[in-house]
Structures are given as structure tokens and as C-alpha cells.
Amino acid sequence: MDTVLRQDLIDLALRATDAYLGVEKHAQQNGFATQQDIHDFTFYLSKAHDALTQLDDIDNHAEYMQSHVQIMAK
């Protein structure tokens, strides 16, 4: 994988992670997740997952991501 593509995927993973954590924070502040929150969280989580998978680094992040899925499920 070339360096530019790798950096783009890292940037995408970071931005997507920041976004799904922001959605989670918003839902926690409200005390519940709206349908839009769930949609947005899932969208950004998927983007982060896809980027990390392409980087062959998903195993280092799967447990962390799953913990945030559990938080949103509550």
C-alpha cells in the first residue's frame, strides 16, 4: 500500500472515530439515542471499521469499537 493511500485511510479512520464518539457523547448528554443518532453512529463506525480493515489494523481496535457499540446500545 502506498504511503499516500495509507495516510488517507488513517485520516479517515481518525475522523470517523471522532464523529462516532461525538454522536455517542450527544446521546449520553440527552440520556437517550434518537434514530438519527443510531444512524449516524452506525455510519461513522462502519467508515472507521472499513478504513482500519483496509489498513489491516482492525484487530487492534475491535474491542475498543465494540465497547462503544455497547454504550450506545444502553
N, C-alpha and C. Protein backbone atom coordinates (compact mmCIF):
# COMPACT_ATOMS: atom_id res chain seq x y z
N MET A 1 0.86 -1.18 0.00
CA MET A 1 0.00 0.00 0.00
C MET A 1 0.91 1.24 0.00
N ASP A 2 0.59 2.17 -0.87
CA ASP A 2 1.46 3.35 -0.93
C ASP A 2 1.19 4.27 0.26
N THR A 3 2.14 5.12 0.53
CA THR A 3 2.13 5.98 1.71
C THR A 3 0.96 6.95 1.71
N VAL A 4 0.62 7.50 0.55
CA VAL A 4 -0.48 8.46 0.46
C VAL A 4 -1.81 7.79 0.78
N LEU A 5 -2.03 6.61 0.20
CA LEU A 5 -3.27 5.89 0.48
C LEU A 5 -3.34 5.51 1.95
N ARG A 6 -2.25 5.04 2.51
CA ARG A 6 -2.21 4.68 3.93
C ARG A 6 -2.56 5.88 4.81
N GLN A 7 -1.97 7.03 4.51
CA GLN A 7 -2.25 8.24 5.29
C GLN A 7 -3.70 8.66 5.14
N ASP A 8 -4.25 8.54 3.94
CA ASP A 8 -5.66 8.88 3.72
C ASP A 8 -6.57 7.97 4.55
N LEU A 9 -6.24 6.68 4.60
CA LEU A 9 -7.04 5.74 5.39
C LEU A 9 -6.92 6.02 6.89
N ILE A 10 -5.74 6.37 7.33
CA ILE A 10 -5.54 6.73 8.74
C ILE A 10 -6.37 7.97 9.07
N ASP A 11 -6.30 8.97 8.20
CA ASP A 11 -7.09 10.19 8.42
C ASP A 11 -8.58 9.88 8.45
N LEU A 12 -9.04 9.04 7.54
CA LEU A 12 -10.45 8.65 7.51
C LEU A 12 -10.85 7.94 8.79
N ALA A 13 -10.02 7.01 9.24
CA ALA A 13 -10.31 6.28 10.49
C ALA A 13 -10.39 7.23 11.67
N LEU A 14 -9.47 8.18 11.73
CA LEU A 14 -9.48 9.15 12.84
C LEU A 14 -10.71 10.05 12.80
N ARG A 15 -11.04 10.57 11.62
CA ARG A 15 -12.21 11.45 11.50
C ARG A 15 -13.50 10.69 11.81
N ALA A 16 -13.60 9.47 11.32
CA ALA A 16 -14.81 8.67 11.56
C ALA A 16 -14.93 8.30 13.04
N THR A 17 -13.82 7.98 13.67
CA THR A 17 -13.84 7.66 15.10
C THR A 17 -14.26 8.89 15.90
N ASP A 18 -13.69 10.02 15.59
CA ASP A 18 -14.08 11.27 16.25
C ASP A 18 -15.58 11.52 16.07
N ALA A 19 -16.09 11.27 14.89
CA ALA A 19 -17.50 11.51 14.61
C ALA A 19 -18.40 10.56 15.41
N TYR A 20 -18.07 9.26 15.44
CA TYR A 20 -18.96 8.36 16.19
C TYR A 20 -18.87 8.59 17.68
N LEU A 21 -17.71 9.01 18.17
CA LEU A 21 -17.61 9.36 19.59
C LEU A 21 -18.42 10.62 19.89
N GLY A 22 -18.46 11.56 18.96
CA GLY A 22 -19.27 12.76 19.12
C GLY A 22 -20.76 12.43 19.17
N VAL A 23 -21.19 11.52 18.34
CA VAL A 23 -22.60 11.09 18.36
C VAL A 23 -22.91 10.42 19.69
N GLU A 24 -22.00 9.57 20.14
CA GLU A 24 -22.18 8.89 21.43
C GLU A 24 -22.29 9.92 22.56
N LYS A 25 -21.43 10.91 22.57
CA LYS A 25 -21.45 11.94 23.61
C LYS A 25 -22.78 12.69 23.58
N HIS A 26 -23.25 13.03 22.40
CA HIS A 26 -24.53 13.72 22.26
C HIS A 26 -25.67 12.87 22.83
N ALA A 27 -25.68 11.60 22.52
CA ALA A 27 -26.73 10.70 23.02
C ALA A 27 -26.65 10.58 24.54
N GLN A 28 -25.44 10.51 25.08
CA GLN A 28 -25.30 10.41 26.53
C GLN A 28 -25.77 11.69 27.22
N GLN A 29 -25.49 12.83 26.62
CA GLN A 29 -25.93 14.10 27.20
C GLN A 29 -27.46 14.19 27.22
N ASN A 30 -28.10 13.64 26.19
CA ASN A 30 -29.56 13.64 26.12
C ASN A 30 -30.18 12.55 26.98
N GLY A 31 -29.42 11.55 27.33
CA GLY A 31 -29.94 10.44 28.12
C GLY A 31 -30.56 9.35 27.26
N PHE A 32 -30.51 9.51 25.95
CA PHE A 32 -31.05 8.51 25.02
C PHE A 32 -30.51 8.78 23.62
N ALA A 33 -30.61 7.78 22.77
CA ALA A 33 -30.17 7.93 21.38
C ALA A 33 -31.40 7.99 20.48
N THR A 34 -31.43 9.00 19.64
CA THR A 34 -32.51 9.11 18.65
C THR A 34 -32.21 8.17 17.48
N GLN A 35 -33.18 8.01 16.61
CA GLN A 35 -32.97 7.21 15.40
C GLN A 35 -31.83 7.81 14.58
N GLN A 36 -31.78 9.13 14.52
CA GLN A 36 -30.70 9.79 13.77
C GLN A 36 -29.35 9.52 14.42
N ASP A 37 -29.31 9.55 15.76
CA ASP A 37 -28.06 9.24 16.46
C ASP A 37 -27.59 7.83 16.10
N ILE A 38 -28.50 6.89 16.13
CA ILE A 38 -28.15 5.50 15.82
C ILE A 38 -27.66 5.38 14.39
N HIS A 39 -28.36 6.04 13.48
CA HIS A 39 -27.94 6.02 12.08
C HIS A 39 -26.55 6.61 11.92
N ASP A 40 -26.32 7.78 12.49
CA ASP A 40 -25.03 8.45 12.36
C ASP A 40 -23.91 7.65 13.01
N PHE A 41 -24.17 7.14 14.21
CA PHE A 41 -23.17 6.34 14.91
C PHE A 41 -22.78 5.13 14.07
N THR A 42 -23.76 4.43 13.55
CA THR A 42 -23.50 3.24 12.73
C THR A 42 -22.74 3.59 11.46
N PHE A 43 -23.11 4.69 10.83
CA PHE A 43 -22.45 5.14 9.61
C PHE A 43 -20.96 5.40 9.87
N TYR A 44 -20.66 6.19 10.89
CA TYR A 44 -19.28 6.55 11.17
C TYR A 44 -18.47 5.36 11.70
N LEU A 45 -19.09 4.53 12.51
CA LEU A 45 -18.42 3.33 13.00
C LEU A 45 -18.03 2.44 11.82
N SER A 46 -18.93 2.31 10.87
CA SER A 46 -18.67 1.50 9.69
C SER A 46 -17.52 2.07 8.86
N LYS A 47 -17.50 3.39 8.72
CA LYS A 47 -16.40 4.04 7.99
C LYS A 47 -15.05 3.76 8.67
N ALA A 48 -15.02 3.90 9.99
CA ALA A 48 -13.79 3.64 10.74
C ALA A 48 -13.39 2.17 10.60
N HIS A 49 -14.36 1.29 10.72
CA HIS A 49 -14.10 -0.15 10.61
C HIS A 49 -13.52 -0.48 9.23
N ASP A 50 -14.12 0.05 8.19
CA ASP A 50 -13.66 -0.22 6.83
C ASP A 50 -12.22 0.28 6.62
N ALA A 51 -11.94 1.48 7.09
CA ALA A 51 -10.59 2.04 6.94
C ALA A 51 -9.57 1.20 7.70
N LEU A 52 -9.90 0.84 8.92
CA LEU A 52 -8.98 0.03 9.73
C LEU A 52 -8.79 -1.36 9.15
N THR A 53 -9.83 -1.90 8.54
CA THR A 53 -9.72 -3.20 7.88
C THR A 53 -8.76 -3.10 6.69
N GLN A 54 -8.91 -2.04 5.90
CA GLN A 54 -8.01 -1.86 4.76
C GLN A 54 -6.57 -1.65 5.20
N LEU A 55 -6.40 -1.06 6.37
CA LEU A 55 -5.05 -0.86 6.93
C LEU A 55 -4.52 -2.14 7.58
N ASP A 56 -5.35 -3.18 7.62
CA ASP A 56 -5.01 -4.44 8.29
C ASP A 56 -4.69 -4.21 9.75
N ASP A 57 -5.49 -3.34 10.40
CA ASP A 57 -5.26 -2.97 11.79
C ASP A 57 -6.53 -3.10 12.63
N ILE A 58 -7.56 -3.71 12.09
CA ILE A 58 -8.84 -3.79 12.80
C ILE A 58 -8.72 -4.57 14.10
N ASP A 59 -7.85 -5.58 14.14
CA ASP A 59 -7.72 -6.38 15.37
C ASP A 59 -7.27 -5.55 16.56
N ASN A 60 -6.54 -4.48 16.31
CA ASN A 60 -6.08 -3.61 17.40
C ASN A 60 -7.15 -2.64 17.88
N HIS A 61 -8.27 -2.57 17.18
CA HIS A 61 -9.30 -1.59 17.51
C HIS A 61 -10.68 -2.20 17.76
N ALA A 62 -10.86 -3.46 17.44
CA ALA A 62 -12.18 -4.09 17.51
C ALA A 62 -12.78 -4.06 18.91
N GLU A 63 -12.00 -4.34 19.92
CA GLU A 63 -12.51 -4.36 21.30
C GLU A 63 -12.95 -2.97 21.73
N TYR A 64 -12.16 -1.96 21.39
CA TYR A 64 -12.50 -0.57 21.70
C TYR A 64 -13.80 -0.17 21.01
N MET A 65 -13.91 -0.51 19.74
CA MET A 65 -15.11 -0.16 18.98
C MET A 65 -16.33 -0.87 19.57
N GLN A 66 -16.17 -2.14 19.91
CA GLN A 66 -17.28 -2.90 20.47
C GLN A 66 -17.74 -2.29 21.80
N SER A 67 -16.81 -1.77 22.58
CA SER A 67 -17.20 -1.16 23.86
C SER A 67 -18.11 0.05 23.61
N HIS A 68 -17.88 0.78 22.55
CA HIS A 68 -18.71 1.94 22.24
C HIS A 68 -20.06 1.53 21.65
N VAL A 69 -20.09 0.41 20.96
CA VAL A 69 -21.37 -0.13 20.49
C VAL A 69 -22.22 -0.49 21.70
N GLN A 70 -21.61 -1.07 22.70
CA GLN A 70 -22.35 -1.44 23.91
C GLN A 70 -22.86 -0.21 24.65
N ILE A 71 -22.07 0.84 24.68
CA ILE A 71 -22.51 2.09 25.32
C ILE A 71 -23.74 2.62 24.60
N MET A 72 -23.68 2.63 23.28
CA MET A 72 -24.83 3.15 22.50
C MET A 72 -26.05 2.26 22.66
N ALA A 73 -25.84 0.97 22.81
CA ALA A 73 -26.97 0.05 22.98
C ALA A 73 -27.73 0.31 24.28
N LYS A 74 -27.04 0.84 25.27
CA LYS A 74 -27.69 1.15 26.56
C LYS A 74 -28.57 2.35 26.38
